[in-house]
């Protein structure tokens, strides 16, 4: 009987040893550095290539159109706040994004008289607080990023910090993998 138990335990020990050894090998390979950043000349060359694509052409046409100029000018108005990660006072104007948007969860807000899309990447625990927002709520927003796309008539702010009535209702949680 003892021989049978030893015979069953031995393969279990060997297999578990192989599993842990393989895990260490996988962890070591993931520590390789990523690709090095492009130089200014390489970035410029890549940008020229992209502008020659149909998407790049559409973007260029949009950027010089009246609608594109308006979106870019509106985004430029808050660029300093974005760069310095300072508070921006906003008023929630809509609890849903424009029809057809694929930005996930977000709200429309007015900052200094201009409308913006504020998109969030909330954890499930943060959704309840964000769903408590109502139209005409005054909030404080901070972000490191404002973007724009021809599909949207408003600049897109990536919400990283939101405060209402002196209470933090949303704070972006960085991803564990660092991306």
N, C-alpha and C. Protein backbone atom coordinates (compact mmCIF):
# COMPACT_ATOMS: atom_id res chain seq x y z
N UNK A 1 0.82 -1.19 0.00
CA UNK A 1 0.00 0.00 0.00
C UNK A 1 0.86 1.26 0.00
N UNK A 2 1.95 1.23 0.80
CA UNK A 2 2.84 2.39 0.86
C UNK A 2 3.49 2.63 -0.50
N UNK A 3 3.80 1.55 -1.21
CA UNK A 3 4.44 1.69 -2.52
C UNK A 3 3.49 2.38 -3.51
N UNK A 4 2.22 2.07 -3.43
CA UNK A 4 1.24 2.68 -4.33
C UNK A 4 1.12 4.18 -4.04
N UNK A 5 1.08 4.54 -2.76
CA UNK A 5 0.99 5.96 -2.39
C UNK A 5 2.24 6.70 -2.86
N UNK A 6 3.42 6.12 -2.63
CA UNK A 6 4.65 6.75 -3.10
C UNK A 6 4.67 6.85 -4.62
N UNK A 7 4.14 5.87 -5.28
CA UNK A 7 4.11 5.87 -6.74
C UNK A 7 3.18 6.97 -7.27
N UNK A 8 2.13 7.27 -6.52
CA UNK A 8 1.22 8.35 -6.93
C UNK A 8 1.75 9.73 -6.57
N UNK A 9 2.45 9.85 -5.46
CA UNK A 9 2.97 11.14 -5.01
C UNK A 9 4.17 11.58 -5.85
N UNK A 10 5.02 10.65 -6.24
CA UNK A 10 6.23 10.98 -7.01
C UNK A 10 5.90 11.71 -8.32
N UNK A 11 4.95 11.21 -9.17
CA UNK A 11 4.64 11.98 -10.39
C UNK A 11 4.04 13.36 -10.09
N UNK A 12 3.29 13.43 -9.00
CA UNK A 12 2.71 14.72 -8.61
C UNK A 12 3.82 15.73 -8.29
N UNK A 13 4.83 15.31 -7.57
CA UNK A 13 5.96 16.18 -7.21
C UNK A 13 6.72 16.60 -8.47
N UNK A 14 6.94 15.68 -9.37
CA UNK A 14 7.68 15.97 -10.60
C UNK A 14 6.90 16.98 -11.46
N UNK A 15 5.61 16.74 -11.62
CA UNK A 15 4.79 17.64 -12.44
C UNK A 15 4.72 19.03 -11.83
N UNK A 16 4.52 19.12 -10.51
CA UNK A 16 4.46 20.44 -9.89
C UNK A 16 5.80 21.17 -10.00
N UNK A 17 6.90 20.43 -9.90
CA UNK A 17 8.22 21.04 -10.09
C UNK A 17 8.38 21.61 -11.49
N UNK A 18 7.91 20.88 -12.49
CA UNK A 18 7.98 21.38 -13.86
C UNK A 18 7.10 22.62 -14.06
N UNK A 19 5.93 22.64 -13.45
CA UNK A 19 5.04 23.78 -13.57
C UNK A 19 5.69 25.03 -12.98
N UNK A 20 6.27 24.91 -11.78
CA UNK A 20 6.92 26.07 -11.16
C UNK A 20 8.15 26.49 -11.94
N UNK A 21 8.91 25.56 -12.47
CA UNK A 21 10.09 25.91 -13.27
C UNK A 21 9.67 26.66 -14.52
N UNK A 22 8.61 26.21 -15.18
CA UNK A 22 8.11 26.88 -16.38
C UNK A 22 7.62 28.28 -16.05
N UNK A 23 6.98 28.46 -14.91
CA UNK A 23 6.49 29.77 -14.51
C UNK A 23 7.64 30.75 -14.33
N UNK A 24 8.74 30.31 -13.74
CA UNK A 24 9.89 31.19 -13.56
C UNK A 24 10.50 31.58 -14.89
N UNK A 25 10.53 30.66 -15.84
CA UNK A 25 11.07 30.96 -17.16
C UNK A 25 10.19 32.00 -17.84
N UNK A 26 8.86 31.86 -17.75
CA UNK A 26 7.95 32.83 -18.35
C UNK A 26 8.11 34.20 -17.72
N UNK A 27 8.30 34.27 -16.41
CA UNK A 27 8.48 35.56 -15.74
C UNK A 27 9.76 36.24 -16.20
N UNK A 28 10.82 35.46 -16.40
CA UNK A 28 12.09 36.05 -16.83
C UNK A 28 11.98 36.60 -18.24
N UNK A 29 11.29 35.90 -19.14
CA UNK A 29 11.19 36.39 -20.51
C UNK A 29 10.34 37.64 -20.61
N UNK A 30 9.39 37.84 -19.70
CA UNK A 30 8.55 39.02 -19.76
C UNK A 30 9.27 40.28 -19.29
N UNK A 31 10.44 40.14 -18.70
CA UNK A 31 11.19 41.29 -18.21
C UNK A 31 12.03 41.95 -19.31
N UNK A 32 11.94 41.44 -20.54
CA UNK A 32 12.69 42.05 -21.64
C UNK A 32 12.17 43.46 -21.88
N UNK A 33 13.05 44.39 -22.18
CA UNK A 33 12.59 45.75 -22.44
C UNK A 33 11.79 45.81 -23.73
N UNK A 34 10.84 46.73 -23.79
CA UNK A 34 10.01 46.90 -24.97
C UNK A 34 10.81 47.58 -26.07
N UNK A 35 10.17 47.83 -27.18
CA UNK A 35 10.87 48.49 -28.27
C UNK A 35 11.27 49.91 -27.86
N UNK A 36 12.43 50.32 -28.32
CA UNK A 36 12.89 51.66 -27.95
C UNK A 36 12.07 52.71 -28.68
N UNK A 37 11.91 53.89 -28.08
CA UNK A 37 11.09 54.93 -28.70
C UNK A 37 11.71 55.40 -30.02
N UNK A 38 10.84 55.87 -30.91
CA UNK A 38 11.30 56.35 -32.20
C UNK A 38 11.98 57.71 -32.05
N UNK A 39 12.94 57.96 -32.92
CA UNK A 39 13.58 59.27 -32.94
C UNK A 39 12.64 60.25 -33.62
N UNK A 40 12.96 61.53 -33.55
CA UNK A 40 12.11 62.55 -34.17
C UNK A 40 12.00 62.33 -35.68
N UNK A 41 13.10 61.97 -36.31
CA UNK A 41 13.08 61.75 -37.76
C UNK A 41 12.22 60.53 -38.11
N UNK A 42 12.32 59.47 -37.30
CA UNK A 42 11.51 58.27 -37.54
C UNK A 42 10.02 58.57 -37.33
N UNK A 43 9.72 59.36 -36.30
CA UNK A 43 8.33 59.74 -36.05
C UNK A 43 7.78 60.54 -37.23
N UNK A 44 8.57 61.46 -37.73
CA UNK A 44 8.15 62.29 -38.86
C UNK A 44 7.91 61.42 -40.10
N UNK A 45 8.78 60.45 -40.33
CA UNK A 45 8.62 59.55 -41.48
C UNK A 45 7.35 58.71 -41.33
N UNK A 46 7.10 58.21 -40.14
CA UNK A 46 5.89 57.42 -39.89
C UNK A 46 4.64 58.28 -40.07
N UNK A 47 4.69 59.52 -39.63
CA UNK A 47 3.56 60.43 -39.79
C UNK A 47 3.27 60.69 -41.27
N UNK A 48 4.33 60.88 -42.07
CA UNK A 48 4.15 61.09 -43.50
C UNK A 48 3.50 59.87 -44.15
N UNK A 49 3.95 58.67 -43.74
CA UNK A 49 3.36 57.43 -44.27
C UNK A 49 1.88 57.36 -43.91
N UNK A 50 1.56 57.69 -42.66
CA UNK A 50 0.17 57.60 -42.21
C UNK A 50 -0.70 58.61 -42.95
N UNK A 51 -0.18 59.83 -43.15
CA UNK A 51 -0.97 60.86 -43.84
C UNK A 51 -1.27 60.46 -45.28
N UNK A 52 -0.47 59.57 -45.85
CA UNK A 52 -0.71 59.11 -47.22
C UNK A 52 -1.79 58.03 -47.27
N UNK A 53 -2.16 57.45 -46.14
CA UNK A 53 -3.21 56.43 -46.10
C UNK A 53 -4.58 57.10 -46.22
N UNK A 54 -5.61 56.34 -46.55
CA UNK A 54 -6.96 56.93 -46.62
C UNK A 54 -7.41 57.55 -45.29
N UNK A 55 -7.08 56.90 -44.17
CA UNK A 55 -7.46 57.46 -42.87
C UNK A 55 -6.73 58.78 -42.61
N UNK A 56 -5.46 58.83 -42.96
CA UNK A 56 -4.69 60.05 -42.78
C UNK A 56 -5.21 61.19 -43.64
N UNK A 57 -5.61 60.86 -44.85
CA UNK A 57 -6.17 61.87 -45.75
C UNK A 57 -7.48 62.41 -45.19
N UNK A 58 -8.34 61.49 -44.71
CA UNK A 58 -9.61 61.93 -44.12
C UNK A 58 -9.37 62.84 -42.91
N UNK A 59 -8.39 62.47 -42.09
CA UNK A 59 -8.10 63.29 -40.91
C UNK A 59 -7.60 64.67 -41.31
N UNK A 60 -6.73 64.73 -42.30
CA UNK A 60 -6.19 66.01 -42.76
C UNK A 60 -7.30 66.91 -43.30
N UNK A 61 -8.21 66.32 -44.07
CA UNK A 61 -9.33 67.10 -44.60
C UNK A 61 -10.21 67.59 -43.45
N UNK A 62 -10.47 66.71 -42.47
CA UNK A 62 -11.29 67.09 -41.31
C UNK A 62 -10.62 68.21 -40.51
N UNK A 63 -9.30 68.12 -40.32
CA UNK A 63 -8.58 69.10 -39.49
C UNK A 63 -8.65 70.51 -40.07
N UNK A 64 -8.77 70.65 -41.38
CA UNK A 64 -8.85 71.98 -41.98
C UNK A 64 -10.29 72.42 -42.22
N UNK A 65 -11.25 71.54 -41.98
CA UNK A 65 -12.66 71.90 -42.13
C UNK A 65 -13.08 72.79 -40.96
N UNK A 66 -14.18 73.53 -41.09
CA UNK A 66 -14.65 74.37 -39.98
C UNK A 66 -14.93 73.56 -38.71
N UNK A 67 -15.54 72.39 -38.87
CA UNK A 67 -15.82 71.55 -37.69
C UNK A 67 -14.53 71.09 -37.01
N UNK A 68 -13.55 70.67 -37.81
CA UNK A 68 -12.27 70.23 -37.26
C UNK A 68 -11.53 71.36 -36.57
N UNK A 69 -11.53 72.54 -37.19
CA UNK A 69 -10.88 73.69 -36.58
C UNK A 69 -11.52 74.05 -35.24
N UNK A 70 -12.86 73.94 -35.18
CA UNK A 70 -13.57 74.24 -33.95
C UNK A 70 -13.18 73.26 -32.84
N UNK A 71 -13.14 71.97 -33.16
CA UNK A 71 -12.77 70.95 -32.17
C UNK A 71 -11.33 71.16 -31.70
N UNK A 72 -10.42 71.40 -32.63
CA UNK A 72 -9.01 71.61 -32.27
C UNK A 72 -8.83 72.87 -31.42
N UNK A 73 -9.56 73.94 -31.75
CA UNK A 73 -9.47 75.18 -30.97
C UNK A 73 -10.04 74.97 -29.56
N UNK A 74 -11.13 74.22 -29.46
CA UNK A 74 -11.72 73.94 -28.15
C UNK A 74 -10.76 73.11 -27.30
N UNK A 75 -10.12 72.14 -27.91
CA UNK A 75 -9.14 71.31 -27.17
C UNK A 75 -7.96 72.16 -26.73
N UNK A 76 -7.55 73.11 -27.55
CA UNK A 76 -6.41 73.97 -27.21
C UNK A 76 -6.70 74.85 -26.00
N UNK A 77 -7.98 75.19 -25.76
CA UNK A 77 -8.34 76.06 -24.64
C UNK A 77 -8.01 75.43 -23.28
N UNK A 78 -8.04 74.11 -23.20
CA UNK A 78 -7.76 73.46 -21.91
C UNK A 78 -6.40 72.77 -21.90
N UNK A 79 -5.59 72.98 -22.93
CA UNK A 79 -4.29 72.30 -23.03
C UNK A 79 -3.40 72.59 -21.82
N UNK A 80 -3.41 73.81 -21.34
CA UNK A 80 -2.58 74.16 -20.18
C UNK A 80 -3.03 73.37 -18.94
N UNK A 81 -4.33 73.30 -18.71
CA UNK A 81 -4.84 72.52 -17.57
C UNK A 81 -4.47 71.05 -17.70
N UNK A 82 -4.51 70.54 -18.92
CA UNK A 82 -4.16 69.13 -19.16
C UNK A 82 -2.68 68.91 -18.89
N UNK A 83 -1.84 69.78 -19.43
CA UNK A 83 -0.39 69.63 -19.25
C UNK A 83 0.03 69.72 -17.78
N UNK A 84 -0.63 70.59 -17.03
CA UNK A 84 -0.27 70.80 -15.63
C UNK A 84 -1.11 69.97 -14.66
N UNK A 85 -2.09 69.20 -15.19
CA UNK A 85 -2.96 68.33 -14.38
C UNK A 85 -3.63 69.15 -13.28
N UNK A 86 -4.23 70.26 -13.68
CA UNK A 86 -4.91 71.13 -12.71
C UNK A 86 -6.42 70.93 -12.79
N UNK A 87 -7.12 71.45 -11.78
CA UNK A 87 -8.57 71.31 -11.70
C UNK A 87 -9.24 72.12 -12.81
N UNK A 88 -10.30 71.51 -13.38
CA UNK A 88 -11.15 72.20 -14.34
C UNK A 88 -12.57 72.08 -13.83
N UNK A 89 -13.25 73.20 -13.67
CA UNK A 89 -14.64 73.17 -13.23
C UNK A 89 -15.52 72.85 -14.43
N UNK A 90 -16.41 71.88 -14.25
CA UNK A 90 -17.29 71.44 -15.33
C UNK A 90 -18.71 71.30 -14.82
N UNK A 91 -19.65 71.41 -15.76
CA UNK A 91 -21.06 71.18 -15.46
C UNK A 91 -21.53 70.06 -16.37
N UNK A 92 -22.10 69.02 -15.79
CA UNK A 92 -22.57 67.88 -16.57
C UNK A 92 -23.77 68.34 -17.41
N UNK A 93 -23.69 68.15 -18.73
CA UNK A 93 -24.79 68.57 -19.62
C UNK A 93 -25.60 67.39 -20.14
N UNK A 94 -25.02 66.19 -20.16
CA UNK A 94 -25.74 64.99 -20.62
C UNK A 94 -25.09 63.78 -19.98
N UNK A 95 -25.91 62.79 -19.68
CA UNK A 95 -25.42 61.57 -19.03
C UNK A 95 -25.09 60.47 -20.03
N UNK A 96 -25.23 60.76 -21.30
CA UNK A 96 -24.88 59.78 -22.33
C UNK A 96 -24.02 60.46 -23.38
N UNK A 97 -23.30 59.64 -24.11
CA UNK A 97 -22.43 60.17 -25.15
C UNK A 97 -23.22 60.32 -26.45
N UNK A 98 -22.67 61.04 -27.43
CA UNK A 98 -23.38 61.20 -28.70
C UNK A 98 -23.72 59.84 -29.33
N UNK A 99 -24.81 59.76 -30.08
CA UNK A 99 -25.20 58.49 -30.70
C UNK A 99 -24.09 57.94 -31.58
N UNK A 100 -23.90 56.63 -31.51
CA UNK A 100 -22.88 55.97 -32.32
C UNK A 100 -21.48 56.00 -31.74
N UNK A 101 -21.30 56.58 -30.57
CA UNK A 101 -19.95 56.65 -30.01
C UNK A 101 -19.53 55.29 -29.47
N UNK A 102 -18.25 55.03 -29.53
CA UNK A 102 -17.69 53.77 -29.06
C UNK A 102 -16.61 54.03 -28.02
N UNK A 103 -16.86 54.96 -27.15
CA UNK A 103 -15.86 55.34 -26.16
C UNK A 103 -16.06 54.65 -24.82
N UNK A 104 -17.10 53.87 -24.67
CA UNK A 104 -17.38 53.25 -23.39
C UNK A 104 -18.24 54.15 -22.53
N UNK A 105 -17.97 54.18 -21.24
CA UNK A 105 -18.78 54.98 -20.32
C UNK A 105 -18.27 56.41 -20.30
N UNK A 106 -19.17 57.38 -20.35
CA UNK A 106 -18.77 58.77 -20.30
C UNK A 106 -19.97 59.68 -20.17
N UNK A 107 -19.68 60.97 -20.02
CA UNK A 107 -20.71 62.00 -19.92
C UNK A 107 -20.28 63.19 -20.78
N UNK A 108 -21.24 64.05 -21.07
CA UNK A 108 -20.95 65.32 -21.73
C UNK A 108 -20.88 66.38 -20.65
N UNK A 109 -19.92 67.29 -20.77
CA UNK A 109 -19.77 68.34 -19.77
C UNK A 109 -19.35 69.64 -20.46
N UNK A 110 -19.67 70.75 -19.81
CA UNK A 110 -19.31 72.07 -20.31
C UNK A 110 -18.22 72.63 -19.40
N UNK A 111 -17.10 73.01 -20.02
CA UNK A 111 -15.99 73.62 -19.30
C UNK A 111 -15.71 74.96 -19.97
N UNK A 112 -15.78 76.03 -19.20
CA UNK A 112 -15.54 77.38 -19.72
C UNK A 112 -16.37 77.68 -20.96
N UNK A 113 -17.62 77.25 -20.98
CA UNK A 113 -18.52 77.56 -22.08
C UNK A 113 -18.42 76.65 -23.28
N UNK A 114 -17.54 75.66 -23.26
CA UNK A 114 -17.40 74.74 -24.39
C UNK A 114 -17.75 73.31 -23.94
N UNK A 115 -18.35 72.56 -24.85
CA UNK A 115 -18.75 71.18 -24.54
C UNK A 115 -17.62 70.21 -24.83
N UNK A 116 -17.50 69.20 -23.96
CA UNK A 116 -16.49 68.16 -24.07
C UNK A 116 -17.12 66.81 -23.76
N UNK A 117 -16.54 65.77 -24.32
CA UNK A 117 -16.87 64.41 -23.92
C UNK A 117 -15.86 64.03 -22.83
N UNK A 118 -16.35 63.53 -21.69
CA UNK A 118 -15.45 63.04 -20.66
C UNK A 118 -15.67 61.54 -20.58
N UNK A 119 -14.65 60.78 -20.96
CA UNK A 119 -14.78 59.32 -20.95
C UNK A 119 -14.03 58.75 -19.75
N UNK A 120 -14.55 57.64 -19.25
CA UNK A 120 -13.98 57.00 -18.07
C UNK A 120 -13.70 55.54 -18.37
N UNK A 121 -12.74 54.98 -17.65
CA UNK A 121 -12.47 53.55 -17.67
C UNK A 121 -12.60 53.06 -16.24
N UNK A 122 -13.84 53.00 -15.73
CA UNK A 122 -14.02 52.71 -14.31
C UNK A 122 -13.93 51.22 -13.98
N UNK A 123 -13.53 50.97 -12.75
CA UNK A 123 -13.64 49.63 -12.17
C UNK A 123 -15.11 49.45 -11.81
N UNK A 124 -15.55 48.22 -11.63
CA UNK A 124 -16.95 47.98 -11.28
C UNK A 124 -17.33 48.70 -9.99
N UNK A 125 -16.40 48.80 -9.05
CA UNK A 125 -16.71 49.45 -7.77
C UNK A 125 -16.91 50.96 -7.93
N UNK A 126 -16.41 51.54 -9.01
CA UNK A 126 -16.52 52.98 -9.22
C UNK A 126 -17.76 53.37 -10.04
N UNK A 127 -18.39 52.39 -10.66
CA UNK A 127 -19.53 52.69 -11.53
C UNK A 127 -20.69 53.32 -10.78
N UNK A 128 -20.96 52.84 -9.57
CA UNK A 128 -22.10 53.34 -8.81
C UNK A 128 -21.97 54.85 -8.56
N UNK A 129 -20.78 55.28 -8.18
CA UNK A 129 -20.57 56.70 -7.92
C UNK A 129 -20.70 57.53 -9.19
N UNK A 130 -20.20 57.00 -10.31
CA UNK A 130 -20.31 57.75 -11.57
C UNK A 130 -21.76 57.78 -12.06
N UNK A 131 -22.50 56.71 -11.83
CA UNK A 131 -23.91 56.70 -12.23
C UNK A 131 -24.75 57.64 -11.37
N UNK A 132 -24.20 58.08 -10.23
CA UNK A 132 -24.95 59.01 -9.38
C UNK A 132 -24.91 60.44 -9.92
N UNK A 133 -24.09 60.70 -10.94
CA UNK A 133 -24.05 62.03 -11.54
C UNK A 133 -25.39 62.37 -12.17
N UNK A 134 -25.75 63.65 -12.11
CA UNK A 134 -27.00 64.14 -12.70
C UNK A 134 -26.68 65.34 -13.57
N UNK A 135 -27.58 65.62 -14.49
CA UNK A 135 -27.42 66.79 -15.35
C UNK A 135 -27.39 68.03 -14.45
N UNK A 136 -26.53 68.97 -14.79
CA UNK A 136 -26.29 70.23 -14.07
C UNK A 136 -25.48 70.06 -12.79
N UNK A 137 -24.95 68.87 -12.51
CA UNK A 137 -24.02 68.70 -11.39
C UNK A 137 -22.73 69.44 -11.71
N UNK A 138 -22.21 70.15 -10.72
CA UNK A 138 -20.92 70.82 -10.88
C UNK A 138 -19.85 69.87 -10.36
N UNK A 139 -18.85 69.61 -11.20
CA UNK A 139 -17.78 68.69 -10.85
C UNK A 139 -16.43 69.33 -11.13
N UNK A 140 -15.42 68.78 -10.49
CA UNK A 140 -14.03 69.16 -10.75
C UNK A 140 -13.39 67.98 -11.47
N UNK A 141 -12.76 68.25 -12.61
CA UNK A 141 -12.15 67.21 -13.43
C UNK A 141 -10.67 67.48 -13.57
N UNK A 142 -9.89 66.41 -13.53
CA UNK A 142 -8.45 66.49 -13.85
C UNK A 142 -8.14 65.40 -14.85
N UNK A 143 -7.23 65.70 -15.76
CA UNK A 143 -6.86 64.73 -16.78
C UNK A 143 -5.46 65.03 -17.30
N UNK A 144 -4.85 64.00 -17.85
CA UNK A 144 -3.56 64.16 -18.51
C UNK A 144 -3.70 64.13 -20.03
N UNK A 145 -4.93 63.88 -20.53
CA UNK A 145 -5.08 63.66 -21.96
C UNK A 145 -6.37 64.25 -22.50
N UNK A 146 -6.24 64.95 -23.61
CA UNK A 146 -7.40 65.39 -24.39
C UNK A 146 -7.11 64.97 -25.83
N UNK A 147 -8.12 64.37 -26.47
CA UNK A 147 -7.92 63.89 -27.84
C UNK A 147 -9.10 64.34 -28.70
N UNK A 148 -9.04 64.01 -29.97
CA UNK A 148 -10.10 64.37 -30.89
C UNK A 148 -10.10 63.37 -32.03
N UNK A 149 -11.24 63.25 -32.67
CA UNK A 149 -11.38 62.34 -33.80
C UNK A 149 -12.44 62.91 -34.74
N UNK A 150 -12.28 62.68 -36.03
CA UNK A 150 -13.25 63.21 -36.99
C UNK A 150 -14.68 62.73 -36.73
N UNK A 151 -14.82 61.59 -36.08
CA UNK A 151 -16.15 61.04 -35.82
C UNK A 151 -16.93 61.87 -34.80
N UNK A 152 -16.23 62.59 -33.93
CA UNK A 152 -16.88 63.31 -32.84
C UNK A 152 -16.77 64.82 -33.03
N UNK A 153 -17.83 65.51 -32.67
CA UNK A 153 -17.87 66.97 -32.80
C UNK A 153 -17.35 67.68 -31.56
N UNK A 154 -16.79 66.92 -30.62
CA UNK A 154 -16.30 67.48 -29.36
C UNK A 154 -14.95 66.88 -29.04
N UNK A 155 -14.07 67.63 -28.36
CA UNK A 155 -12.83 67.04 -27.86
C UNK A 155 -13.17 65.99 -26.80
N UNK A 156 -12.28 65.00 -26.64
CA UNK A 156 -12.51 63.89 -25.73
C UNK A 156 -11.49 63.97 -24.60
N UNK A 157 -11.98 64.16 -23.39
CA UNK A 157 -11.11 64.21 -22.21
C UNK A 157 -11.14 62.84 -21.55
N UNK A 158 -9.97 62.29 -21.26
CA UNK A 158 -9.89 61.03 -20.52
C UNK A 158 -9.95 61.37 -19.04
N UNK A 159 -11.09 61.12 -18.43
CA UNK A 159 -11.28 61.46 -17.02
C UNK A 159 -10.40 60.61 -16.13
N UNK A 160 -9.57 61.26 -15.32
CA UNK A 160 -8.70 60.54 -14.41
C UNK A 160 -9.03 60.83 -12.95
N UNK A 161 -9.70 61.95 -12.72
CA UNK A 161 -10.06 62.35 -11.36
C UNK A 161 -11.31 63.21 -11.45
N UNK A 162 -12.32 62.86 -10.67
CA UNK A 162 -13.56 63.65 -10.65
C UNK A 162 -13.98 63.83 -9.19
N UNK A 163 -14.33 65.06 -8.90
CA UNK A 163 -14.75 65.42 -7.54
C UNK A 163 -16.08 66.16 -7.64
N UNK A 164 -17.00 65.84 -6.71
CA UNK A 164 -18.29 66.54 -6.65
C UNK A 164 -18.55 66.89 -5.19
N UNK A 165 -18.86 68.14 -4.93
CA UNK A 165 -19.14 68.63 -3.58
C UNK A 165 -18.00 68.30 -2.61
N UNK A 166 -16.77 68.42 -3.07
CA UNK A 166 -15.61 68.18 -2.22
C UNK A 166 -15.29 66.72 -1.97
N UNK A 167 -16.04 65.79 -2.58
CA UNK A 167 -15.79 64.36 -2.40
C UNK A 167 -15.33 63.75 -3.72
N UNK A 168 -14.30 62.94 -3.66
CA UNK A 168 -13.79 62.26 -4.84
C UNK A 168 -14.79 61.16 -5.22
N UNK A 169 -15.32 61.24 -6.44
CA UNK A 169 -16.24 60.18 -6.87
C UNK A 169 -15.61 59.26 -7.90
N UNK A 170 -14.46 59.67 -8.45
CA UNK A 170 -13.75 58.80 -9.40
C UNK A 170 -12.28 59.15 -9.40
N UNK A 171 -11.46 58.12 -9.34
CA UNK A 171 -10.02 58.28 -9.49
C UNK A 171 -9.54 57.10 -10.31
N UNK A 172 -8.87 57.39 -11.41
CA UNK A 172 -8.39 56.35 -12.33
C UNK A 172 -7.40 55.45 -11.62
N UNK A 173 -7.61 54.16 -11.73
CA UNK A 173 -6.70 53.19 -11.14
C UNK A 173 -5.79 52.71 -12.27
N UNK A 174 -4.46 52.93 -12.17
CA UNK A 174 -3.57 52.50 -13.23
C UNK A 174 -3.60 50.98 -13.38
N UNK A 175 -3.41 50.53 -14.60
CA UNK A 175 -3.38 49.09 -14.87
C UNK A 175 -2.13 48.48 -14.23
N UNK A 176 -2.25 47.22 -13.84
CA UNK A 176 -1.13 46.57 -13.17
C UNK A 176 0.02 46.27 -14.14
N UNK A 177 -0.28 46.07 -15.43
CA UNK A 177 0.78 45.76 -16.38
C UNK A 177 1.51 47.01 -16.87
N UNK A 178 1.11 48.18 -16.39
CA UNK A 178 1.82 49.41 -16.70
C UNK A 178 1.45 50.04 -18.02
N UNK A 179 0.50 49.50 -18.73
CA UNK A 179 0.12 50.07 -20.02
C UNK A 179 -1.18 50.82 -19.91
